[in-house]
Amino acid sequence: MPVIPIINIDDKALDPYARLTESQLRSRLNPERAVFIAESPKVIRVALDAGLQPLSLLCEERHICGDAADIIARCPSLPVYTASRSLLSVLTGYTLTRGVLCAMRRPAPSTPAAICKGARRVCVLHEVTDTTNVGAIFRSAAALGIDAVLLTPDTCDPLNRRSVRVSMGSVFLVPWAWLGSDRPCDELNALGFRTIAMALSADSLPLDSPGLPLEQPLALIFGTEGDGLPQETIDQADYVVRIPMAHGVDSLNVAASSAVAFWQLRADRHGKG
């Protein structure tokens, strides 16, 4: 294995870990060279199991024969850059909580039509910009049977480093694609989906309304933190749905509300195959 001790933190090979912004890593002008960073051995293993291509590894010295040993053995030609924890903190600008980072080739983008073929339940994120929320939503989507995630153009990139980490690698398990505009209902209807806008509205249905789980296929649309969905999307949706609340609480965080809705409206709730 090519273990490379870090002597010069200005080494160009370390740019993905230290100096490139998320936008630069994404490299829209050269998508075939786009990169993302996976953090922690568990997340890296999930990415490798999903077939993603590793480019290099950055880890603390103690992890070479420890937490990262199986990853290194699995990818014997992978360059492994290593240094002490204190030097890695200087390089990356933060303390590595799991001590291992992996630069990986960004997968080729998919399309809504491709990932929605045969799907019964999809999640739509409309301008959800918080990286932690996006990662948490993907984790719930993977755990609770969502077939695909669609994102409007202004939504946070699921392969943002923090989103990947918070999702525990679930962004590699659930197919996802970018929608072409911020009018999701138009595209979803064209793909044959009935749509649910999750929103607080005077005429909204409670989430436990008996007919909702019977809809096939169904798209659940969640809005941005704070402002929620735009009125245009609410007006265009087939259903507007709210989660009944107690104690005068008006709403849940979007990641929490998505998990509740995924469970309540799961496709196999009534034995539908």
Protein backbone atom coordinates (compact mmCIF):
# COMPACT_ATOMS: atom_id res chain seq x y z
CA MET A 1 0.00 0.00 0.00
CA PRO A 2 1.41 3.46 -0.89
CA VAL A 3 1.45 5.16 2.53
CA ILE A 4 2.54 8.78 2.10
CA PRO A 5 3.48 10.74 5.24
CA ILE A 6 2.42 14.36 4.93
CA ILE A 7 5.45 16.62 5.02
CA ASN A 8 4.14 19.62 3.13
CA ILE A 9 0.51 20.55 3.79
CA ASP A 10 0.52 22.62 0.58
CA ASP A 11 0.86 19.44 -1.50
CA LYS A 12 -1.62 19.69 -4.41
CA ALA A 13 -2.71 16.10 -3.82
CA LEU A 14 -4.28 17.25 -0.55
CA ASP A 15 -6.41 19.98 -2.16
CA PRO A 16 -9.68 17.96 -2.02
CA TYR A 17 -9.32 17.65 1.75
CA ALA A 18 -7.99 21.08 2.56
CA ARG A 19 -8.50 23.77 -0.03
CA LEU A 20 -11.29 22.99 -2.49
CA THR A 21 -14.75 24.28 -1.66
CA GLU A 22 -17.81 22.05 -2.00
CA SER A 23 -18.60 23.86 -5.26
CA GLN A 24 -15.10 23.22 -6.60
CA LEU A 25 -15.26 19.57 -5.59
CA ARG A 26 -18.53 19.24 -7.46
CA SER A 27 -16.86 20.69 -10.59
CA ARG A 28 -19.93 21.27 -12.75
CA LEU A 29 -17.77 22.37 -15.67
CA ASN A 30 -15.87 19.05 -15.58
CA PRO A 31 -18.31 16.55 -14.07
CA GLU A 32 -16.12 13.60 -15.04
CA ARG A 33 -13.52 14.96 -12.59
CA ALA A 34 -15.94 15.79 -9.78
CA VAL A 35 -15.06 14.59 -6.29
CA PHE A 36 -16.74 14.28 -2.92
CA ILE A 37 -15.39 13.47 0.54
CA ALA A 38 -16.62 10.54 2.63
CA GLU A 39 -15.83 10.75 6.33
CA SER A 40 -15.49 7.86 8.81
CA PRO A 41 -14.67 4.20 8.11
CA LYS A 42 -18.30 3.11 8.26
CA VAL A 43 -19.43 5.64 5.65
CA ILE A 44 -16.48 4.82 3.41
CA ARG A 45 -17.34 1.10 3.56
CA VAL A 46 -20.94 1.83 2.55
CA ALA A 47 -19.67 3.89 -0.40
CA LEU A 48 -17.32 1.12 -1.52
CA ASP A 49 -20.10 -1.48 -1.20
CA ALA A 50 -22.23 0.76 -3.43
CA GLY A 51 -19.53 0.66 -6.10
CA LEU A 52 -18.12 4.17 -5.77
CA GLN A 53 -14.55 4.79 -6.86
CA PRO A 54 -12.05 5.87 -4.18
CA LEU A 55 -9.22 8.23 -5.19
CA SER A 56 -7.19 8.58 -2.01
CA LEU A 57 -7.40 8.19 1.74
CA LEU A 58 -6.42 10.64 4.48
CA CYS A 59 -6.12 9.27 7.98
CA GLU A 60 -4.37 9.48 11.30
CA GLU A 61 -1.29 7.29 11.60
CA ARG A 62 -2.89 5.11 14.25
CA HIS A 63 -5.78 4.18 11.93
CA ILE A 64 -3.59 2.60 9.25
CA CYS A 65 -3.44 -0.63 11.25
CA GLY A 66 -6.68 0.13 13.06
CA ASP A 67 -10.06 1.44 11.84
CA ALA A 68 -8.88 1.93 8.26
CA ALA A 69 -7.00 -1.36 7.91
CA ASP A 70 -9.80 -3.23 6.12
CA ILE A 71 -10.38 -0.32 3.72
CA ILE A 72 -6.68 -0.17 2.86
CA ALA A 73 -6.60 -3.94 2.36
CA ARG A 74 -9.64 -3.71 0.12
CA CYS A 75 -8.06 -0.98 -2.03
CA PRO A 76 -4.38 -1.96 -2.07
CA SER A 77 -3.30 0.59 -4.71
CA LEU A 78 -5.06 3.53 -3.05
CA PRO A 79 -2.73 6.39 -1.98
CA VAL A 80 -2.95 6.78 1.80
CA TYR A 81 -1.91 10.18 3.14
CA THR A 82 -1.19 10.17 6.84
CA ALA A 83 -0.12 12.44 9.67
CA SER A 84 -0.75 13.08 13.34
CA ARG A 85 -4.17 14.21 14.49
CA SER A 86 -2.90 17.71 15.25
CA LEU A 87 -1.42 18.14 11.78
CA LEU A 88 -4.57 16.82 10.13
CA SER A 89 -6.57 19.38 12.11
CA VAL A 90 -4.36 22.14 10.74
CA LEU A 91 -4.73 20.73 7.22
CA THR A 92 -8.52 20.28 7.20
CA GLY A 93 -9.48 23.09 9.57
CA TYR A 94 -11.36 20.83 11.98
CA THR A 95 -10.71 17.86 14.26
CA LEU A 96 -11.49 14.58 12.55
CA THR A 97 -14.04 12.81 14.72
CA ARG A 98 -13.37 9.41 13.13
CA GLY A 99 -9.86 10.05 11.86
CA VAL A 100 -10.42 8.84 8.28
CA LEU A 101 -11.42 10.71 5.11
CA CYS A 102 -11.70 9.36 1.58
CA ALA A 103 -11.78 11.39 -1.63
CA MET A 104 -14.06 9.59 -4.08
CA ARG A 105 -15.12 10.09 -7.68
CA ARG A 106 -18.58 11.61 -7.87
CA PRO A 107 -21.00 9.18 -9.57
CA ALA A 108 -22.60 10.08 -12.89
CA PRO A 109 -25.90 11.91 -12.35
CA SER A 110 -29.15 10.06 -12.85
CA THR A 111 -32.50 11.39 -14.06
CA PRO A 112 -35.88 11.54 -12.35
CA ALA A 113 -37.41 9.25 -14.96
CA ALA A 114 -34.70 6.63 -14.49
CA ILE A 115 -34.83 6.43 -10.71
CA CYS A 116 -38.62 6.70 -10.47
CA LYS A 117 -39.34 3.77 -12.78
CA GLY A 118 -41.32 1.31 -10.68
CA ALA A 119 -41.09 3.49 -7.56
CA ARG A 120 -44.05 3.51 -5.17
CA ARG A 121 -42.86 6.20 -2.75
CA VAL A 122 -40.53 9.09 -3.49
CA CYS A 123 -39.41 12.02 -1.38
CA VAL A 124 -39.08 15.47 -2.90
CA LEU A 125 -36.91 18.12 -1.22
CA HIS A 126 -37.89 21.62 -2.26
CA GLU A 127 -35.09 24.10 -1.48
CA VAL A 128 -34.03 22.24 1.68
CA THR A 129 -30.68 23.91 2.28
CA ASP A 130 -29.44 22.61 5.63
CA THR A 131 -26.79 19.92 5.12
CA THR A 132 -27.65 18.15 8.37
CA ASN A 133 -31.34 17.96 7.49
CA VAL A 134 -30.62 16.58 4.02
CA GLY A 135 -28.38 13.88 5.48
CA ALA A 136 -30.94 12.96 8.15
CA ILE A 137 -33.74 12.78 5.57
CA PHE A 138 -31.72 10.39 3.43
CA ARG A 139 -31.07 8.20 6.46
CA SER A 140 -34.79 8.02 7.22
CA ALA A 141 -35.60 7.45 3.55
CA ALA A 142 -33.27 4.45 3.41
CA ALA A 143 -34.57 3.01 6.66
CA LEU A 144 -38.27 3.51 5.97
CA GLY A 145 -38.62 2.28 2.41
CA ILE A 146 -38.50 5.40 0.24
CA ASP A 147 -37.60 4.34 -3.30
CA ALA A 148 -35.99 7.57 -4.51
CA VAL A 149 -35.27 11.17 -3.55
CA LEU A 150 -35.74 14.08 -5.95
CA LEU A 151 -34.30 17.53 -5.34
CA THR A 152 -35.15 20.96 -6.69
CA PRO A 153 -32.12 22.90 -8.01
CA ASP A 154 -31.64 25.03 -4.86
CA THR A 155 -31.59 22.08 -2.46
CA CYS A 156 -28.34 21.18 -0.71
CA ASP A 157 -26.12 18.71 -2.54
CA PRO A 158 -26.55 15.23 -0.96
CA LEU A 159 -22.82 14.60 -1.49
CA ASN A 160 -21.84 17.57 0.66
CA ARG A 161 -19.38 16.20 3.23
CA ARG A 162 -21.64 16.88 6.21
CA SER A 163 -24.72 15.48 4.48
CA VAL A 164 -22.84 12.29 3.63
CA ARG A 165 -21.64 11.92 7.22
CA VAL A 166 -25.02 12.61 8.83
CA SER A 167 -26.72 10.18 6.46
CA MET A 168 -24.27 7.45 7.59
CA GLY A 169 -23.80 6.63 3.93
CA SER A 170 -27.51 6.41 3.10
CA VAL A 171 -26.97 8.86 0.24
CA PHE A 172 -25.31 5.89 -1.51
CA LEU A 173 -28.26 3.57 -0.85
CA VAL A 174 -31.25 5.59 -2.05
CA PRO A 175 -31.28 6.66 -5.72
CA TRP A 176 -31.54 10.43 -6.15
CA ALA A 177 -31.67 12.97 -8.95
CA TRP A 178 -32.09 16.68 -9.56
CA LEU A 179 -35.40 17.98 -10.86
CA GLY A 180 -35.27 20.43 -13.74
CA SER A 181 -37.06 23.30 -12.01
CA ASP A 182 -38.62 24.51 -8.77
CA ARG A 183 -42.06 23.34 -9.95
CA PRO A 184 -41.92 19.71 -8.76
CA CYS A 185 -45.61 18.90 -9.21
CA ASP A 186 -45.39 19.34 -12.98
CA GLU A 187 -42.54 16.83 -13.31
CA LEU A 188 -44.05 14.42 -10.80
CA ASN A 189 -47.45 14.39 -12.47
CA ALA A 190 -45.75 13.73 -15.80
CA LEU A 191 -44.07 10.70 -14.18
CA GLY A 192 -47.45 9.41 -13.00
CA PHE A 193 -47.23 10.36 -9.31
CA ARG A 194 -49.92 11.70 -7.04
CA THR A 195 -48.40 14.45 -4.93
CA ILE A 196 -48.58 15.36 -1.26
CA ALA A 197 -47.43 18.79 -0.10
CA MET A 198 -46.46 18.60 3.56
CA ALA A 199 -47.66 21.98 4.80
CA LEU A 200 -49.61 23.77 7.47
CA SER A 201 -52.79 24.88 5.75
CA ALA A 202 -56.35 25.56 6.84
CA ASP A 203 -57.71 22.88 4.52
CA SER A 204 -54.92 20.31 4.95
CA LEU A 205 -55.63 16.67 5.73
CA PRO A 206 -54.21 14.98 8.83
CA LEU A 207 -51.39 12.57 8.04
CA ASP A 208 -53.37 9.64 9.41
CA SER A 209 -56.24 10.10 6.94
CA PRO A 210 -57.13 6.49 5.96
CA GLY A 211 -57.05 6.91 2.18
CA LEU A 212 -53.56 8.36 1.85
CA PRO A 213 -51.49 5.16 2.23
CA LEU A 214 -53.54 3.54 -0.55
CA GLU A 215 -52.29 5.99 -3.18
CA GLN A 216 -49.81 4.42 -5.61
CA PRO A 217 -47.37 5.85 -6.60
CA LEU A 218 -47.03 8.77 -4.24
CA ALA A 219 -44.58 11.66 -3.93
CA LEU A 220 -44.11 13.44 -0.59
CA ILE A 221 -42.90 17.04 -0.99
CA PHE A 222 -41.07 18.79 1.86
CA GLY A 223 -40.17 22.47 1.95
CA THR A 224 -37.30 24.57 3.12
CA GLU A 225 -36.54 25.12 6.78
CA GLY A 226 -38.56 27.96 8.26
CA ASP A 227 -40.65 29.08 5.29
CA GLY A 228 -41.84 25.65 4.16
CA LEU A 229 -43.24 25.10 0.69
CA PRO A 230 -44.14 27.97 -1.64
CA GLN A 231 -47.86 28.57 -2.07
CA GLU A 232 -47.64 27.65 -5.76
CA THR A 233 -46.48 24.14 -4.92
CA ILE A 234 -49.14 23.76 -2.24
CA ASP A 235 -51.82 24.83 -4.71
CA GLN A 236 -50.60 22.41 -7.38
CA ALA A 237 -50.35 19.33 -5.13
CA ASP A 238 -53.05 16.66 -5.18
CA TYR A 239 -53.14 16.64 -1.37
CA VAL A 240 -51.98 19.03 1.33
CA VAL A 241 -51.15 17.14 4.51
CA ARG A 242 -50.18 18.09 8.05
CA ILE A 243 -48.91 16.10 11.01
CA PRO A 244 -51.35 16.49 13.94
CA MET A 245 -49.61 18.20 16.87
CA ALA A 246 -50.12 18.37 20.61
CA HIS A 247 -49.32 20.96 23.28
CA GLY A 248 -49.65 23.85 20.86
CA VAL A 249 -46.54 22.88 18.88
CA ASP A 250 -47.04 24.15 15.34
CA SER A 251 -44.50 22.09 13.40
CA LEU A 252 -41.55 19.71 13.43
CA ASN A 253 -38.09 20.07 11.96
CA VAL A 254 -38.19 18.94 8.32
CA ALA A 255 -35.99 15.91 9.03
CA ALA A 256 -38.26 14.79 11.87
CA SER A 257 -41.45 15.39 9.92
CA SER A 258 -40.15 13.43 6.95
CA ALA A 259 -39.45 10.38 9.12
CA VAL A 260 -42.96 10.51 10.56
CA ALA A 261 -44.52 10.84 7.10
CA PHE A 262 -42.36 8.08 5.58
CA TRP A 263 -43.50 5.65 8.27
CA GLN A 264 -47.17 6.61 8.19
CA LEU A 265 -47.43 6.50 4.39
CA ARG A 266 -45.16 3.52 3.72
CA ALA A 267 -46.14 1.65 0.59
CA ASP A 268 -46.51 -1.77 2.23
CA ARG A 269 -48.62 -0.55 5.13
CA HIS A 270 -51.68 -2.38 3.83
CA GLY A 271 -49.85 -5.25 2.23
CA LYS A 272 -49.55 -3.57 -1.16
CA GLY A 273 -46.79 -5.10 -3.26
